[in-house]
Amino acid sequence: MKFGLRLPSFALGERTASLQEMGAYLRRAEDLGFESAMLIDHLLIAPPAYRVAWLEPISLLSALAGVTRTIRLGTLVLVLPFRDPVAFAKEWATLDQLSGGRSILGVGVGWNKEEFAALRIPIEERGRRMNEMLEAITALWAGDDVSYDGRYYRFEHLTIEPKPAQKPHPPIWIGGGTQPSEKIYGQGVDTIQPVLRRIAKYASTWVPHSSATAEMVAGDWANIRGYMVENGRNPDDMRRVYSNFVHILKPGEKPETAAAKFGVYSGMDLAYWQEFYLLGEAEAVAERIRGKIEALGGVDHLILNPLDWDPGSIEVLAERVLPLVVA
């Protein structure tokens, strides 16, 4: 199992972390053995889940490529329907080259109606647009003189240079599935199967929702495996990720003291943080992580999201939590 971080890339005005601070944090993460560093993608503030905006991920990943050495850099997840396939294929291929082949493309369809409206993209088209995007960009990365004729995207005889350093293209992670937060994320029962079919067809790694119950994940996983067989894929080739926000309390510290940390970015309340996020002392958090991994039937990557750029936060994870997870 590999350990990674999702970064607190909050856009906080003058309080936004500097590139120097981010670089020092990530080089310390490399020293501690963290394998990946991932970013969230939101164009606007997205209540009620979030109360701040986030830095633009491709720009930030390009900057981080220059201040890191070995850690893999990616998105968890990038809203692919927001992008144009030709321009995006060029942008991400450049990032993969600049990082020395260290990029991971984690994608999702998005859920915030205001963001789609701002970009003049009908939200009901997001799933079909995502499928076409995945087909178009992977074709552009893998070949020359590429043409594509989809419902939303069309081009003829295009060659993108540079190609990604990773061949035939960077790994594609796709997030999604059943979750208990339908009211927040606009998910309905009728939207789940198309998501699972997309994961089965295009993903190398599946990222279930961190709030999904064991029963939800088990049902989704059975469907994904079946859809992979329909697509001529071996279900055993699909990797899985568990990812979540995390804050470790000191011994005897009350959960209420975490409000200052979670309240910076989250629009939810303490009860929600305690139920769905990883909030507690090191031993309790490690136990919850082990339980989640067991419920998922094992994972290939564990990716945790501390709430600030203090290297002490990741030192606590590396020294007091992760050893208990793998014990």
C-alpha atoms as a PDB file:
ATOM      1  CA  MET A   1       0.000   0.000   0.000  1.00  0.00           C
ATOM      2  CA  LYS A   2       1.274   3.441  -0.984  1.00  0.00           C
ATOM      3  CA  PHE A   3       0.731   6.553   1.122  1.00  0.00           C
ATOM      4  CA  GLY A   4      -0.063   9.937  -0.332  1.00  0.00           C
ATOM      5  CA  LEU A   5      -1.338  13.384   0.567  1.00  0.00           C
ATOM      6  CA  ARG A   6      -4.092  15.586  -0.730  1.00  0.00           C
ATOM      7  CA  LEU A   7      -2.936  19.151  -0.280  1.00  0.00           C
ATOM      8  CA  PRO A   8      -4.693  22.018   1.545  1.00  0.00           C
ATOM      9  CA  SER A   9      -4.540  24.241  -1.539  1.00  0.00           C
ATOM     10  CA  PHE A  10      -6.990  26.786  -0.166  1.00  0.00           C
ATOM     11  CA  ALA A  11      -7.141  30.240  -1.770  1.00  0.00           C
ATOM     12  CA  LEU A  12      -7.105  32.371   1.378  1.00  0.00           C
ATOM     13  CA  GLY A  13      -6.035  35.774   0.092  1.00  0.00           C
ATOM     14  CA  GLU A  14      -2.979  37.030   1.937  1.00  0.00           C
ATOM     15  CA  ARG A  15      -3.039  33.857   4.054  1.00  0.00           C
ATOM     16  CA  THR A  16      -2.597  31.586   1.041  1.00  0.00           C
ATOM     17  CA  ALA A  17       0.536  29.493   1.490  1.00  0.00           C
ATOM     18  CA  SER A  18       3.554  30.577  -0.552  1.00  0.00           C
ATOM     19  CA  LEU A  19       5.264  28.322  -3.067  1.00  0.00           C
ATOM     20  CA  GLN A  20       8.292  28.308  -0.764  1.00  0.00           C
ATOM     21  CA  GLU A  21       6.168  26.959   2.104  1.00  0.00           C
ATOM     22  CA  MET A  22       4.551  24.368  -0.144  1.00  0.00           C
ATOM     23  CA  GLY A  23       7.921  23.220  -1.456  1.00  0.00           C
ATOM     24  CA  ALA A  24       9.375  22.796   2.028  1.00  0.00           C
ATOM     25  CA  TYR A  25       6.277  20.865   3.095  1.00  0.00           C
ATOM     26  CA  LEU A  26       6.422  18.507   0.119  1.00  0.00           C
ATOM     27  CA  ARG A  27      10.149  17.884   0.341  1.00  0.00           C
ATOM     28  CA  ARG A  28       9.581  16.894   3.951  1.00  0.00           C
ATOM     29  CA  ALA A  29       6.764  14.613   2.750  1.00  0.00           C
ATOM     30  CA  GLU A  30       9.202  13.002   0.320  1.00  0.00           C
ATOM     31  CA  ASP A  31      11.668  12.414   3.161  1.00  0.00           C
ATOM     32  CA  LEU A  32       8.881  10.801   5.190  1.00  0.00           C
ATOM     33  CA  GLY A  33       8.035   8.395   2.380  1.00  0.00           C
ATOM     34  CA  PHE A  34       4.817   9.877   0.996  1.00  0.00           C
ATOM     35  CA  GLU A  35       4.447   8.775  -2.624  1.00  0.00           C
ATOM     36  CA  SER A  36       1.899  11.228  -4.041  1.00  0.00           C
ATOM     37  CA  ALA A  37       0.502  14.740  -3.590  1.00  0.00           C
ATOM     38  CA  MET A  38      -2.951  15.467  -5.015  1.00  0.00           C
ATOM     39  CA  LEU A  39      -5.127  18.566  -5.472  1.00  0.00           C
ATOM     40  CA  ILE A  40      -8.860  19.301  -5.364  1.00  0.00           C
ATOM     41  CA  ASP A  41     -10.391  21.234  -8.293  1.00  0.00           C
ATOM     42  CA  HIS A  42     -13.087  23.870  -7.783  1.00  0.00           C
ATOM     43  CA  LEU A  43     -13.619  26.934  -9.949  1.00  0.00           C
ATOM     44  CA  LEU A  44     -15.756  28.755  -7.360  1.00  0.00           C
ATOM     45  CA  ILE A  45     -16.599  28.480  -3.696  1.00  0.00           C
ATOM     46  CA  ALA A  46     -18.830  25.405  -3.518  1.00  0.00           C
ATOM     47  CA  PRO A  47     -21.162  25.505  -0.508  1.00  0.00           C
ATOM     48  CA  PRO A  48     -22.257  23.768   1.599  1.00  0.00           C
ATOM     49  CA  ALA A  49     -19.278  21.421   1.404  1.00  0.00           C
ATOM     50  CA  TYR A  50     -16.628  24.154   1.106  1.00  0.00           C
ATOM     51  CA  ARG A  51     -16.455  27.750   2.255  1.00  0.00           C
ATOM     52  CA  VAL A  52     -13.271  28.783   0.397  1.00  0.00           C
ATOM     53  CA  ALA A  53     -12.037  28.697  -3.177  1.00  0.00           C
ATOM     54  CA  TRP A  54      -9.111  26.506  -4.210  1.00  0.00           C
ATOM     55  CA  LEU A  55      -6.011  27.324  -6.202  1.00  0.00           C
ATOM     56  CA  GLU A  56      -6.182  26.287  -9.869  1.00  0.00           C
ATOM     57  CA  PRO A  57      -4.704  22.769  -9.953  1.00  0.00           C
ATOM     58  CA  ILE A  58      -2.789  22.579 -13.241  1.00  0.00           C
ATOM     59  CA  SER A  59      -0.987  25.856 -12.582  1.00  0.00           C
ATOM     60  CA  LEU A  60      -0.126  24.808  -9.046  1.00  0.00           C
ATOM     61  CA  LEU A  61       1.040  21.320 -10.057  1.00  0.00           C
ATOM     62  CA  SER A  62       3.354  22.858 -12.651  1.00  0.00           C
ATOM     63  CA  ALA A  63       4.874  25.060  -9.963  1.00  0.00           C
ATOM     64  CA  LEU A  64       5.186  22.167  -7.517  1.00  0.00           C
ATOM     65  CA  ALA A  65       6.992  20.088 -10.142  1.00  0.00           C
ATOM     66  CA  GLY A  66       9.874  22.537  -9.863  1.00  0.00           C
ATOM     67  CA  VAL A  67      10.183  22.445  -6.061  1.00  0.00           C
ATOM     68  CA  THR A  68       9.876  18.669  -5.542  1.00  0.00           C
ATOM     69  CA  ARG A  69      12.078  15.728  -6.419  1.00  0.00           C
ATOM     70  CA  THR A  70      10.319  12.372  -6.358  1.00  0.00           C
ATOM     71  CA  ILE A  71       6.724  12.742  -5.188  1.00  0.00           C
ATOM     72  CA  ARG A  72       4.012  12.077  -7.778  1.00  0.00           C
ATOM     73  CA  LEU A  73       1.742  15.050  -8.499  1.00  0.00           C
ATOM     74  CA  GLY A  74      -1.896  14.893  -9.485  1.00  0.00           C
ATOM     75  CA  THR A  75      -5.538  15.725  -8.955  1.00  0.00           C
ATOM     76  CA  LEU A  76      -8.164  14.127  -6.740  1.00  0.00           C
ATOM     77  CA  VAL A  77     -10.164  15.044  -8.611  1.00  0.00           C
ATOM     78  CA  LEU A  78     -10.067  17.427 -11.587  1.00  0.00           C
ATOM     79  CA  VAL A  79     -13.451  18.282 -13.146  1.00  0.00           C
ATOM     80  CA  LEU A  80     -12.751  17.134 -16.679  1.00  0.00           C
ATOM     81  CA  PRO A  81     -15.977  18.430 -18.329  1.00  0.00           C
ATOM     82  CA  PHE A  82     -14.809  21.988 -17.568  1.00  0.00           C
ATOM     83  CA  ARG A  83     -11.956  21.597 -20.089  1.00  0.00           C
ATOM     84  CA  ASP A  84     -11.480  21.506 -23.850  1.00  0.00           C
ATOM     85  CA  PRO A  85      -9.854  18.215 -24.932  1.00  0.00           C
ATOM     86  CA  VAL A  86      -7.223  19.644 -27.270  1.00  0.00           C
ATOM     87  CA  ALA A  87      -6.082  22.433 -24.959  1.00  0.00           C
ATOM     88  CA  PHE A  88      -6.169  20.145 -21.938  1.00  0.00           C
ATOM     89  CA  ALA A  89      -4.208  17.383 -23.677  1.00  0.00           C
ATOM     90  CA  LYS A  90      -1.482  19.944 -24.395  1.00  0.00           C
ATOM     91  CA  GLU A  91      -1.511  21.357 -20.849  1.00  0.00           C
ATOM     92  CA  TRP A  92      -1.344  18.024 -19.049  1.00  0.00           C
ATOM     93  CA  ALA A  93       1.253  16.563 -21.418  1.00  0.00           C
ATOM     94  CA  THR A  94       3.434  19.579 -20.677  1.00  0.00           C
ATOM     95  CA  LEU A  95       2.943  19.052 -16.939  1.00  0.00           C
ATOM     96  CA  ASP A  96       3.920  15.398 -17.285  1.00  0.00           C
ATOM     97  CA  GLN A  97       7.072  16.370 -19.154  1.00  0.00           C
ATOM     98  CA  LEU A  98       8.022  19.093 -16.664  1.00  0.00           C
ATOM     99  CA  SER A  99       7.534  16.725 -13.730  1.00  0.00           C
ATOM    100  CA  GLY A 100       9.613  13.989 -15.300  1.00  0.00           C
ATOM    101  CA  GLY A 101       6.633  11.689 -15.726  1.00  0.00           C
ATOM    102  CA  ARG A 102       5.327  12.114 -12.193  1.00  0.00           C
ATOM    103  CA  SER A 103       1.726  13.134 -12.934  1.00  0.00           C
ATOM    104  CA  ILE A 104      -1.452  11.267 -11.994  1.00  0.00           C
ATOM    105  CA  LEU A 105      -4.672  12.412 -13.656  1.00  0.00           C
ATOM    106  CA  GLY A 106      -7.544  11.916 -11.232  1.00  0.00           C
ATOM    107  CA  VAL A 107     -10.856  13.067 -12.718  1.00  0.00           C
ATOM    108  CA  GLY A 108     -14.530  13.393 -11.902  1.00  0.00           C
ATOM    109  CA  VAL A 109     -17.664  14.828 -13.500  1.00  0.00           C
ATOM    110  CA  GLY A 110     -18.188  17.638 -10.962  1.00  0.00           C
ATOM    111  CA  TRP A 111     -21.336  18.522  -9.078  1.00  0.00           C
ATOM    112  CA  ASN A 112     -21.545  22.283  -8.421  1.00  0.00           C
ATOM    113  CA  LYS A 113     -24.281  23.821 -10.583  1.00  0.00           C
ATOM    114  CA  GLU A 114     -22.928  27.366 -10.261  1.00  0.00           C
ATOM    115  CA  GLU A 115     -19.566  26.335 -11.703  1.00  0.00           C
ATOM    116  CA  PHE A 116     -21.160  24.723 -14.753  1.00  0.00           C
ATOM    117  CA  ALA A 117     -23.390  27.775 -15.240  1.00  0.00           C
ATOM    118  CA  ALA A 118     -20.394  30.110 -15.053  1.00  0.00           C
ATOM    119  CA  LEU A 119     -18.685  28.137 -17.824  1.00  0.00           C
ATOM    120  CA  ARG A 120     -21.903  27.892 -19.881  1.00  0.00           C
ATOM    121  CA  ILE A 121     -21.809  24.093 -19.820  1.00  0.00           C
ATOM    122  CA  PRO A 122     -25.155  22.335 -19.180  1.00  0.00           C
ATOM    123  CA  ILE A 123     -24.640  20.217 -16.088  1.00  0.00           C
ATOM    124  CA  GLU A 124     -26.819  17.448 -17.491  1.00  0.00           C
ATOM    125  CA  GLU A 125     -24.191  16.928 -20.232  1.00  0.00           C
ATOM    126  CA  ARG A 126     -21.312  16.381 -17.828  1.00  0.00           C
ATOM    127  CA  GLY A 127     -21.199  12.582 -17.966  1.00  0.00           C
ATOM    128  CA  ARG A 128     -21.288  12.304 -21.745  1.00  0.00           C
ATOM    129  CA  ARG A 129     -18.756  15.128 -22.056  1.00  0.00           C
ATOM    130  CA  MET A 130     -16.443  13.332 -19.641  1.00  0.00           C
ATOM    131  CA  ASN A 131     -16.562  10.131 -21.703  1.00  0.00           C
ATOM    132  CA  GLU A 132     -15.689  12.033 -24.865  1.00  0.00           C
ATOM    133  CA  MET A 133     -12.940  13.956 -23.093  1.00  0.00           C
ATOM    134  CA  LEU A 134     -11.306  10.737 -21.898  1.00  0.00           C
ATOM    135  CA  GLU A 135     -11.464   9.207 -25.361  1.00  0.00           C
ATOM    136  CA  ALA A 136     -10.148  12.323 -27.093  1.00  0.00           C
ATOM    137  CA  ILE A 137      -7.251  13.164 -24.776  1.00  0.00           C
ATOM    138  CA  THR A 138      -5.939   9.606 -24.563  1.00  0.00           C
ATOM    139  CA  ALA A 139      -6.030   9.374 -28.370  1.00  0.00           C
ATOM    140  CA  LEU A 140      -4.126  12.671 -28.677  1.00  0.00           C
ATOM    141  CA  TRP A 141      -1.513  11.479 -26.163  1.00  0.00           C
ATOM    142  CA  ALA A 142      -1.015   8.105 -27.785  1.00  0.00           C
ATOM    143  CA  GLY A 143      -0.881   9.004 -31.477  1.00  0.00           C
ATOM    144  CA  ASP A 144      -0.356  11.504 -34.270  1.00  0.00           C
ATOM    145  CA  ASP A 145      -2.700  12.818 -36.953  1.00  0.00           C
ATOM    146  CA  VAL A 146      -5.657  12.161 -34.639  1.00  0.00           C
ATOM    147  CA  SER A 147      -9.292  12.846 -35.551  1.00  0.00           C
ATOM    148  CA  TYR A 148     -12.282  12.638 -33.227  1.00  0.00           C
ATOM    149  CA  ASP A 149     -15.975  13.004 -34.042  1.00  0.00           C
ATOM    150  CA  GLY A 150     -18.084  13.126 -30.913  1.00  0.00           C
ATOM    151  CA  ARG A 151     -21.327  14.781 -29.946  1.00  0.00           C
ATOM    152  CA  TYR A 152     -19.580  17.615 -28.097  1.00  0.00           C
ATOM    153  CA  TYR A 153     -15.986  17.584 -29.366  1.00  0.00           C
ATOM    154  CA  ARG A 154     -14.745  17.271 -32.940  1.00  0.00           C
ATOM    155  CA  PHE A 155     -11.352  17.760 -34.543  1.00  0.00           C
ATOM    156  CA  GLU A 156      -9.404  16.426 -37.503  1.00  0.00           C
ATOM    157  CA  HIS A 157      -5.767  15.503 -38.151  1.00  0.00           C
ATOM    158  CA  LEU A 158      -4.259  16.946 -34.970  1.00  0.00           C
ATOM    159  CA  THR A 159      -0.920  16.082 -33.439  1.00  0.00           C
ATOM    160  CA  ILE A 160      -0.163  17.215 -29.903  1.00  0.00           C
ATOM    161  CA  GLU A 161       3.442  17.841 -28.899  1.00  0.00           C
ATOM    162  CA  PRO A 162       4.971  17.231 -26.497  1.00  0.00           C
ATOM    163  CA  LYS A 163       3.515  13.850 -25.714  1.00  0.00           C
ATOM    164  CA  PRO A 164       3.416  12.886 -22.009  1.00  0.00           C
ATOM    165  CA  ALA A 165       6.605  11.396 -20.608  1.00  0.00           C
ATOM    166  CA  GLN A 166       4.540   8.405 -19.394  1.00  0.00           C
ATOM    167  CA  LYS A 167       3.517   6.008 -22.165  1.00  0.00           C
ATOM    168  CA  PRO A 168       0.951   5.710 -23.516  1.00  0.00           C
ATOM    169  CA  HIS A 169      -0.302   8.349 -21.066  1.00  0.00           C
ATOM    170  CA  PRO A 170      -0.364   9.194 -17.336  1.00  0.00           C
ATOM    171  CA  PRO A 171      -2.452   6.908 -15.096  1.00  0.00           C
ATOM    172  CA  ILE A 172      -6.129   7.837 -14.990  1.00  0.00           C
ATOM    173  CA  TRP A 173      -7.930   7.687 -11.661  1.00  0.00           C
ATOM    174  CA  ILE A 174     -11.692   8.241 -11.611  1.00  0.00           C
ATOM    175  CA  GLY A 175     -13.641   9.226  -8.525  1.00  0.00           C
ATOM    176  CA  GLY A 176     -17.279   8.456  -7.931  1.00  0.00           C
ATOM    177  CA  GLY A 177     -19.912   6.000  -6.814  1.00  0.00           C
ATOM    178  CA  THR A 178     -22.634   5.761  -4.212  1.00  0.00           C
ATOM    179  CA  GLN A 179     -22.431   8.057  -1.198  1.00  0.00           C
ATOM    180  CA  PRO A 180     -24.704   9.192   1.646  1.00  0.00           C
ATOM    181  CA  SER A 181     -24.405  12.923   0.829  1.00  0.00           C
ATOM    182  CA  GLU A 182     -26.799  13.198  -2.095  1.00  0.00           C
ATOM    183  CA  LYS A 183     -28.211  16.505  -0.864  1.00  0.00           C
ATOM    184  CA  ILE A 184     -24.757  18.094  -0.972  1.00  0.00           C
ATOM    185  CA  TYR A 185     -23.426  16.663  -4.208  1.00  0.00           C
ATOM    186  CA  GLY A 186     -26.602  16.413  -6.278  1.00  0.00           C
ATOM    187  CA  GLN A 187     -26.322  12.677  -6.775  1.00  0.00           C
ATOM    188  CA  GLY A 188     -29.356  10.542  -7.497  1.00  0.00           C
ATOM    189  CA  VAL A 189     -29.776   6.794  -7.774  1.00  0.00           C
ATOM    190  CA  ASP A 190     -30.228   7.071 -11.550  1.00  0.00           C
ATOM    191  CA  THR A 191     -26.799   8.690 -11.978  1.00  0.00           C
ATOM    192  CA  ILE A 192     -24.719   5.990 -10.282  1.00  0.00           C
ATOM    193  CA  GLN A 193     -24.603   3.252 -12.915  1.00  0.00           C
ATOM    194  CA  PRO A 194     -23.255   5.529 -15.693  1.00  0.00           C
ATOM    195  CA  VAL A 195     -20.488   6.596 -13.290  1.00  0.00           C
ATOM    196  CA  LEU A 196     -19.600   2.993 -12.499  1.00  0.00           C
ATOM    197  CA  ARG A 197     -19.628   2.080 -16.180  1.00  0.00           C
ATOM    198  CA  ARG A 198     -17.243   4.966 -16.896  1.00  0.00           C
ATOM    199  CA  ILE A 199     -14.888   3.823 -14.151  1.00  0.00           C
ATOM    200  CA  ALA A 200     -14.950   0.269 -15.475  1.00  0.00           C
ATOM    201  CA  LYS A 201     -14.201   1.375 -19.038  1.00  0.00           C
ATOM    202  CA  TYR A 202     -11.590   4.108 -18.601  1.00  0.00           C
ATOM    203  CA  ALA A 203      -9.970   4.043 -15.133  1.00  0.00           C
ATOM    204  CA  SER A 204      -6.785   2.383 -13.958  1.00  0.00           C
ATOM    205  CA  THR A 205      -7.726   3.287 -10.373  1.00  0.00           C
ATOM    206  CA  TRP A 206     -11.098   3.805  -8.684  1.00  0.00           C
ATOM    207  CA  VAL A 207     -11.532   6.404  -5.950  1.00  0.00           C
ATOM    208  CA  PRO A 208     -14.732   5.676  -3.964  1.00  0.00           C
ATOM    209  CA  HIS A 209     -16.306   8.492  -2.005  1.00  0.00           C
ATOM    210  CA  SER A 210     -14.678   8.725   1.412  1.00  0.00           C
ATOM    211  CA  SER A 211     -18.102   8.921   3.074  1.00  0.00           C
ATOM    212  CA  ALA A 212     -19.445   5.786   1.359  1.00  0.00           C
ATOM    213  CA  THR A 213     -20.434   2.945   3.669  1.00  0.00           C
ATOM    214  CA  ALA A 214     -18.999  -0.552   3.356  1.00  0.00           C
ATOM    215  CA  GLU A 215     -22.296  -1.737   1.864  1.00  0.00           C
ATOM    216  CA  MET A 216     -22.262   1.043  -0.744  1.00  0.00           C
ATOM    217  CA  VAL A 217     -18.666   0.312  -1.749  1.00  0.00           C
ATOM    218  CA  ALA A 218     -19.283  -3.426  -1.950  1.00  0.00           C
ATOM    219  CA  GLY A 219     -22.268  -2.916  -4.239  1.00  0.00           C
ATOM    220  CA  ASP A 220     -20.407  -0.454  -6.453  1.00  0.00           C
ATOM    221  CA  TRP A 221     -17.366  -2.740  -6.637  1.00  0.00           C
ATOM    222  CA  ALA A 222     -19.459  -5.699  -7.742  1.00  0.00           C
ATOM    223  CA  ASN A 223     -20.990  -3.588 -10.501  1.00  0.00           C
ATOM    224  CA  ILE A 224     -17.625  -2.209 -11.615  1.00  0.00           C
ATOM    225  CA  ARG A 225     -16.168  -5.700 -11.846  1.00  0.00           C
ATOM    226  CA  GLY A 226     -19.105  -6.837 -13.939  1.00  0.00           C
ATOM    227  CA  TYR A 227     -18.829  -3.837 -16.256  1.00  0.00           C
ATOM    228  CA  MET A 228     -15.077  -4.438 -16.643  1.00  0.00           C
ATOM    229  CA  VAL A 229     -15.759  -7.958 -17.853  1.00  0.00           C
ATOM    230  CA  GLU A 230     -18.281  -6.545 -20.359  1.00  0.00           C
ATOM    231  CA  ASN A 231     -15.487  -4.268 -21.637  1.00  0.00           C
ATOM    232  CA  GLY A 232     -13.020  -7.115 -21.946  1.00  0.00           C
ATOM    233  CA  ARG A 233     -10.979  -5.960 -18.954  1.00  0.00           C
ATOM    234  CA  ASN A 234      -9.632  -8.013 -16.068  1.00  0.00           C
ATOM    235  CA  PRO A 235     -11.291  -6.753 -12.845  1.00  0.00           C
ATOM    236  CA  ASP A 236      -8.127  -7.585 -10.911  1.00  0.00           C
ATOM    237  CA  ASP A 237      -6.330  -4.826 -12.840  1.00  0.00           C
ATOM    238  CA  MET A 238      -8.395  -2.085 -11.141  1.00  0.00           C
ATOM    239  CA  ARG A 239      -6.673  -0.393  -8.214  1.00  0.00           C
ATOM    240  CA  ARG A 240      -8.492   1.351  -5.384  1.00  0.00           C
ATOM    241  CA  VAL A 241      -7.888   4.397  -3.202  1.00  0.00           C
ATOM    242  CA  TYR A 242      -9.133   5.521   0.176  1.00  0.00           C
ATOM    243  CA  SER A 243      -8.856   9.274   0.647  1.00  0.00           C
ATOM    244  CA  ASN A 244     -10.131  11.587   3.374  1.00  0.00           C
ATOM    245  CA  PHE A 245      -9.524  14.790   5.304  1.00  0.00           C
ATOM    246  CA  VAL A 246      -7.644  14.228   8.553  1.00  0.00           C
ATOM    247  CA  HIS A 247      -6.819  16.078  11.752  1.00  0.00           C
ATOM    248  CA  ILE A 248      -5.023  14.399  14.651  1.00  0.00           C
ATOM    249  CA  LEU A 249      -5.880  15.504  18.169  1.00  0.00           C
ATOM    250  CA  LYS A 250      -3.312  15.553  20.929  1.00  0.00           C
ATOM    251  CA  PRO A 251      -3.923  13.129  23.821  1.00  0.00           C
ATOM    252  CA  GLY A 252      -6.888  14.409  25.825  1.00  0.00           C
ATOM    253  CA  GLU A 253      -7.666  17.188  23.350  1.00  0.00           C
ATOM    254  CA  LYS A 254     -11.394  17.714  22.722  1.00  0.00           C
ATOM    255  CA  PRO A 255     -12.819  17.412  19.183  1.00  0.00           C
ATOM    256  CA  GLU A 256     -14.247  20.920  19.461  1.00  0.00           C
ATOM    257  CA  THR A 257     -10.736  22.346  19.263  1.00  0.00           C
ATOM    258  CA  ALA A 258     -10.577  21.169  15.643  1.00  0.00           C
ATOM    259  CA  ALA A 259     -13.288  23.625  14.620  1.00  0.00           C
ATOM    260  CA  ALA A 260     -10.700  26.321  13.906  1.00  0.00           C
ATOM    261  CA  LYS A 261      -8.969  23.984  11.457  1.00  0.00           C
ATOM    262  CA  PHE A 262     -11.998  22.496   9.703  1.00  0.00           C
ATOM    263  CA  GLY A 263     -13.832  25.804   9.746  1.00  0.00           C
ATOM    264  CA  VAL A 264     -11.226  27.391   7.493  1.00  0.00           C
ATOM    265  CA  TYR A 265     -12.436  25.461   4.469  1.00  0.00           C
ATOM    266  CA  SER A 266     -15.495  23.367   5.391  1.00  0.00           C
ATOM    267  CA  GLY A 267     -19.055  24.618   5.463  1.00  0.00           C
ATOM    268  CA  MET A 268     -20.201  21.611   7.486  1.00  0.00           C
ATOM    269  CA  ASP A 269     -20.443  21.273  11.276  1.00  0.00           C
ATOM    270  CA  LEU A 270     -18.566  19.294  13.929  1.00  0.00           C
ATOM    271  CA  ALA A 271     -21.042  16.398  13.835  1.00  0.00           C
ATOM    272  CA  TYR A 272     -20.439  15.992  10.094  1.00  0.00           C
ATOM    273  CA  TRP A 273     -16.644  16.179  10.484  1.00  0.00           C
ATOM    274  CA  GLN A 274     -16.716  13.524  13.190  1.00  0.00           C
ATOM    275  CA  GLU A 275     -18.951  11.209  11.160  1.00  0.00           C
ATOM    276  CA  PHE A 276     -17.352  11.472   7.734  1.00  0.00           C
ATOM    277  CA  TYR A 277     -13.819  12.835   8.225  1.00  0.00           C
ATOM    278  CA  LEU A 278     -10.865  11.461  10.188  1.00  0.00           C
ATOM    279  CA  LEU A 279     -10.892  13.461  13.411  1.00  0.00           C
ATOM    280  CA  GLY A 280      -9.450  12.057  16.618  1.00  0.00           C
ATOM    281  CA  GLU A 281      -6.310  10.939  18.416  1.00  0.00           C
ATOM    282  CA  ALA A 282      -3.743   8.985  16.429  1.00  0.00           C
ATOM    283  CA  GLU A 283      -4.787   5.528  17.608  1.00  0.00           C
ATOM    284  CA  ALA A 284      -8.488   6.151  16.979  1.00  0.00           C
ATOM    285  CA  VAL A 285      -7.858   7.570  13.511  1.00  0.00           C
ATOM    286  CA  ALA A 286      -5.626   4.616  12.621  1.00  0.00           C
ATOM    287  CA  GLU A 287      -8.367   2.235  13.734  1.00  0.00           C
ATOM    288  CA  ARG A 288     -10.933   4.017  11.570  1.00  0.00           C
ATOM    289  CA  ILE A 289      -8.600   3.882   8.577  1.00  0.00           C
ATOM    290  CA  ARG A 290      -8.002   0.156   9.077  1.00  0.00           C
ATOM    291  CA  GLY A 291     -11.738  -0.423   9.267  1.00  0.00           C
ATOM    292  CA  LYS A 292     -12.350   1.518   6.086  1.00  0.00           C
ATOM    293  CA  ILE A 293      -9.597  -0.342   4.224  1.00  0.00           C
ATOM    294  CA  GLU A 294     -11.064  -3.644   5.372  1.00  0.00           C
ATOM    295  CA  ALA A 295     -14.521  -2.541   4.248  1.00  0.00           C
ATOM    296  CA  LEU A 296     -13.090  -1.686   0.828  1.00  0.00           C
ATOM    297  CA  GLY A 297     -11.518  -5.121   0.602  1.00  0.00           C
ATOM    298  CA  GLY A 298      -8.058  -3.588   0.634  1.00  0.00           C
ATOM    299  CA  VAL A 299      -6.674  -0.543  -1.176  1.00  0.00           C
ATOM    300  CA  ASP A 300      -3.555   0.231  -3.170  1.00  0.00           C
ATOM    301  CA  HIS A 301      -3.289   3.863  -2.065  1.00  0.00           C
ATOM    302  CA  LEU A 302      -4.146   5.678   1.155  1.00  0.00           C
ATOM    303  CA  ILE A 303      -4.309   9.445   0.605  1.00  0.00           C
ATOM    304  CA  LEU A 304      -4.834  11.777   3.552  1.00  0.00           C
ATOM    305  CA  ASN A 305      -5.619  15.496   3.506  1.00  0.00           C
ATOM    306  CA  PRO A 306      -4.201  17.515   6.435  1.00  0.00           C
ATOM    307  CA  LEU A 307      -5.754  20.913   6.988  1.00  0.00           C
ATOM    308  CA  ASP A 308      -2.679  23.156   6.874  1.00  0.00           C
ATOM    309  CA  TRP A 309       0.872  23.359   5.488  1.00  0.00           C
ATOM    310  CA  ASP A 310       2.554  22.683   8.831  1.00  0.00           C
ATOM    311  CA  PRO A 311       5.151  19.908   8.292  1.00  0.00           C
ATOM    312  CA  GLY A 312       4.307  18.789  11.821  1.00  0.00           C
ATOM    313  CA  SER A 313       0.912  17.597  10.549  1.00  0.00           C
ATOM    314  CA  ILE A 314       2.455  15.098   8.149  1.00  0.00           C
ATOM    315  CA  GLU A 315       5.135  14.096  10.645  1.00  0.00           C
ATOM    316  CA  VAL A 316       2.370  13.033  13.044  1.00  0.00           C
ATOM    317  CA  LEU A 317       0.750  11.002  10.284  1.00  0.00           C
ATOM    318  CA  ALA A 318       4.008   9.331   9.271  1.00  0.00           C
ATOM    319  CA  GLU A 319       5.244   8.639  12.783  1.00  0.00           C
ATOM    320  CA  ARG A 320       2.094   7.968  14.838  1.00  0.00           C
ATOM    321  CA  VAL A 321      -0.736   6.989  12.466  1.00  0.00           C
ATOM    322  CA  LEU A 322       0.581   5.132   9.416  1.00  0.00           C
ATOM    323  CA  PRO A 323       2.659   2.611  11.431  1.00  0.00           C
ATOM    324  CA  LEU A 324      -0.578   1.588  13.178  1.00  0.00           C
ATOM    325  CA  VAL A 325      -2.420   1.301   9.867  1.00  0.00           C
ATOM    326  CA  VAL A 326       0.046  -1.227   8.470  1.00  0.00           C
ATOM    327  CA  ALA A 327       0.731  -3.006  11.770  1.00  0.00           C
END
